[in-house]
């Protein structure tokens, strides 16, 4: 049976269940964006302009919480990290209470995805030098989790060695 077949079990009622993830697998959630494109819509929904990843849009759950749940299919809780913007730390901490505080990486300023990714990967590298990192945006809607998870687990086929040189070239994942 393949690695993702072990990790995803669709037997019986179609529920997704997981088994132990390989010890080198890490999930990194990107939650640092300011959400300026949908700011007016978020203001209409929440009465304050918060980034969409923190807004409860899906059955009382935010896109961040949904992405966090999805990440558990890739790595265990202690190997799930999140990059947040300093300005959103209060919102993020409320929704990330299940993670160790050391797994929340704070981006001092919003400098878009690349720098946020590098900040996190440089903090993960000494802890998990041989990690395979799945990078998951938290502001995307995934309607069919059962189809998404096997595809996400296939990222392993595209291993790129993690080195500081690769990081400088923009290939900061393995």
Protein backbone atom coordinates (compact mmCIF):
# COMPACT_ATOMS: atom_id res chain seq x y z
CA UNK A 1 0.00 0.00 0.00
CA UNK A 2 1.33 3.47 -0.85
CA UNK A 3 2.22 6.09 1.78
CA UNK A 4 -0.88 8.16 1.17
CA UNK A 5 -3.10 5.09 1.12
CA UNK A 6 -1.89 4.35 4.66
CA UNK A 7 -2.44 7.95 5.69
CA UNK A 8 -5.89 8.26 4.15
CA UNK A 9 -8.45 5.53 4.72
CA UNK A 10 -11.70 5.94 2.77
CA UNK A 11 -13.30 2.67 3.81
CA UNK A 12 -16.72 2.26 5.27
CA UNK A 13 -18.61 5.54 5.55
CA UNK A 14 -16.02 7.49 3.55
CA UNK A 15 -14.54 9.18 6.61
CA UNK A 16 -10.92 10.22 6.39
CA UNK A 17 -8.66 8.77 9.06
CA UNK A 18 -4.95 9.13 9.55
CA UNK A 19 -2.10 6.98 10.75
CA UNK A 20 1.25 8.15 12.09
CA UNK A 21 2.90 10.56 9.69
CA UNK A 22 6.56 9.99 8.82
CA UNK A 23 8.84 11.62 11.38
CA UNK A 24 10.29 14.06 8.85
CA UNK A 25 6.96 15.50 7.70
CA UNK A 26 6.11 19.07 8.77
CA UNK A 27 3.10 21.22 7.87
CA UNK A 28 3.60 24.97 7.58
CA UNK A 29 0.50 27.14 7.41
CA UNK A 30 0.77 30.64 5.95
CA UNK A 31 -1.58 33.05 7.76
CA UNK A 32 0.24 36.37 7.52
CA UNK A 33 -1.69 38.12 4.77
CA UNK A 34 -3.63 41.31 5.39
CA UNK A 35 -6.57 40.39 3.19
CA UNK A 36 -6.87 43.78 1.54
CA UNK A 37 -8.66 42.43 -1.56
CA UNK A 38 -11.68 41.26 0.44
CA UNK A 39 -11.46 43.80 3.24
CA UNK A 40 -14.84 45.39 2.48
CA UNK A 41 -16.58 42.01 2.34
CA UNK A 42 -15.00 40.97 5.66
CA UNK A 43 -16.10 44.28 7.18
CA UNK A 44 -19.66 43.57 6.01
CA UNK A 45 -19.57 40.08 7.55
CA UNK A 46 -17.77 40.86 10.81
CA UNK A 47 -18.25 44.64 11.22
CA UNK A 48 -14.45 44.99 11.38
CA UNK A 49 -11.90 44.62 8.56
CA UNK A 50 -10.15 41.37 9.48
CA UNK A 51 -8.21 39.17 7.02
CA UNK A 52 -10.39 36.43 5.54
CA UNK A 53 -8.33 33.59 7.05
CA UNK A 54 -9.52 34.64 10.54
CA UNK A 55 -13.17 35.17 9.61
CA UNK A 56 -15.66 32.40 10.44
CA UNK A 57 -16.96 31.77 6.94
CA UNK A 58 -17.48 27.99 6.92
CA UNK A 59 -20.05 26.52 9.28
CA UNK A 60 -18.74 28.61 12.18
CA UNK A 61 -15.10 27.84 11.41
CA UNK A 62 -12.48 30.13 9.92
CA UNK A 63 -10.34 29.30 6.93
CA UNK A 64 -7.36 29.17 9.34
CA UNK A 65 -9.05 26.61 11.61
CA UNK A 66 -10.08 24.57 8.56
CA UNK A 67 -6.51 24.62 7.22
CA UNK A 68 -5.23 23.62 10.67
CA UNK A 69 -7.59 20.63 10.69
CA UNK A 70 -6.38 19.71 7.21
CA UNK A 71 -2.75 19.93 8.35
CA UNK A 72 -3.34 17.15 10.89
CA UNK A 73 -3.59 14.73 7.94
CA UNK A 74 -0.07 15.71 6.93
CA UNK A 75 1.77 15.99 10.26
CA UNK A 76 1.04 15.57 13.97
CA UNK A 77 0.23 18.62 16.13
CA UNK A 78 3.80 19.14 17.35
CA UNK A 79 5.03 19.35 13.72
CA UNK A 80 2.47 21.88 12.54
CA UNK A 81 3.65 25.50 12.47
CA UNK A 82 1.94 28.70 11.41
CA UNK A 83 3.34 32.00 10.14
CA UNK A 84 1.32 35.01 11.27
CA UNK A 85 1.68 38.75 10.93
CA UNK A 86 2.53 40.68 14.12
CA UNK A 87 -0.63 42.74 13.67
CA UNK A 88 -2.80 39.60 13.66
CA UNK A 89 -1.20 37.81 16.60
CA UNK A 90 -4.23 38.28 18.87
CA UNK A 91 -6.63 36.87 16.27
CA UNK A 92 -4.28 34.02 15.46
CA UNK A 93 -3.62 32.93 19.05
CA UNK A 94 -7.36 32.62 19.70
CA UNK A 95 -7.67 30.18 16.81
CA UNK A 96 -4.39 28.32 17.33
CA UNK A 97 -4.78 27.37 20.99
CA UNK A 98 -4.26 23.69 20.17
CA UNK A 99 -0.72 24.31 18.89
CA UNK A 100 2.34 24.84 21.06
CA UNK A 101 3.11 28.57 21.21
CA UNK A 102 6.62 27.84 19.89
CA UNK A 103 5.01 26.65 16.64
CA UNK A 104 3.61 30.11 15.89
CA UNK A 105 6.16 32.16 13.94
CA UNK A 106 5.56 35.89 13.96
CA UNK A 107 6.47 37.86 10.87
CA UNK A 108 7.40 41.34 12.19
CA UNK A 109 6.07 43.07 9.05
CA UNK A 110 3.91 41.87 6.20
CA UNK A 111 6.31 41.41 3.31
CA UNK A 112 4.20 38.93 1.35
CA UNK A 113 4.56 35.17 1.02
CA UNK A 114 8.25 34.71 0.15
CA UNK A 115 9.79 36.43 3.18
CA UNK A 116 7.17 34.89 5.49
CA UNK A 117 8.04 31.47 4.16
CA UNK A 118 11.78 32.07 4.60
CA UNK A 119 11.30 33.33 8.19
CA UNK A 120 9.49 30.10 9.07
CA UNK A 121 11.76 27.71 7.18
CA UNK A 122 14.88 29.18 8.76
CA UNK A 123 13.31 28.55 12.18
CA UNK A 124 12.26 25.00 11.25
CA UNK A 125 15.58 23.97 9.69
CA UNK A 126 17.58 23.60 12.95
CA UNK A 127 14.74 21.64 14.57
CA UNK A 128 13.91 19.42 11.57
CA UNK A 129 16.98 19.47 9.30
CA UNK A 130 15.65 16.61 7.13
CA UNK A 131 12.07 17.81 7.03
CA UNK A 132 9.71 17.50 4.14
CA UNK A 133 7.60 20.63 4.52
CA UNK A 134 4.08 20.93 3.15
CA UNK A 135 3.23 24.61 2.79
CA UNK A 136 -0.49 25.33 3.12
CA UNK A 137 -2.08 28.72 2.60
CA UNK A 138 -4.82 29.45 5.13
CA UNK A 139 -6.87 31.80 3.01
CA UNK A 140 -7.98 29.23 0.44
CA UNK A 141 -11.23 27.29 0.44
CA UNK A 142 -10.90 23.55 -0.17
CA UNK A 143 -14.32 22.11 -0.90
CA UNK A 144 -13.36 18.46 -1.36
CA UNK A 145 -10.95 17.52 1.42
CA UNK A 146 -11.15 13.83 0.48
CA UNK A 147 -9.65 14.60 -2.92
CA UNK A 148 -7.24 17.26 -1.70
CA UNK A 149 -5.41 15.26 0.99
CA UNK A 150 -4.01 12.49 -1.29
CA UNK A 151 -2.76 15.19 -3.68
CA UNK A 152 -1.13 17.08 -0.83
CA UNK A 153 0.58 13.92 0.35
CA UNK A 154 2.07 13.35 -3.10
CA UNK A 155 4.34 16.40 -2.64
CA UNK A 156 6.92 13.93 -1.38
CA UNK A 157 7.55 12.88 -4.97
CA UNK A 158 9.10 16.29 -5.59
CA UNK A 159 11.77 16.31 -2.87
CA UNK A 160 14.16 19.22 -3.12
CA UNK A 161 16.99 19.15 -0.57
CA UNK A 162 16.64 21.92 2.01
CA UNK A 163 19.76 24.03 1.97
CA UNK A 164 20.36 27.69 2.64
CA UNK A 165 21.45 28.01 -1.00
CA UNK A 166 18.10 26.65 -2.21
CA UNK A 167 16.38 29.00 0.21
CA UNK A 168 18.22 31.94 -1.33
CA UNK A 169 17.08 30.75 -4.77
CA UNK A 170 13.48 30.73 -3.61
CA UNK A 171 13.17 26.95 -3.38
CA UNK A 172 12.68 26.89 0.36
CA UNK A 173 10.85 23.63 0.62
CA UNK A 174 11.81 20.05 0.30
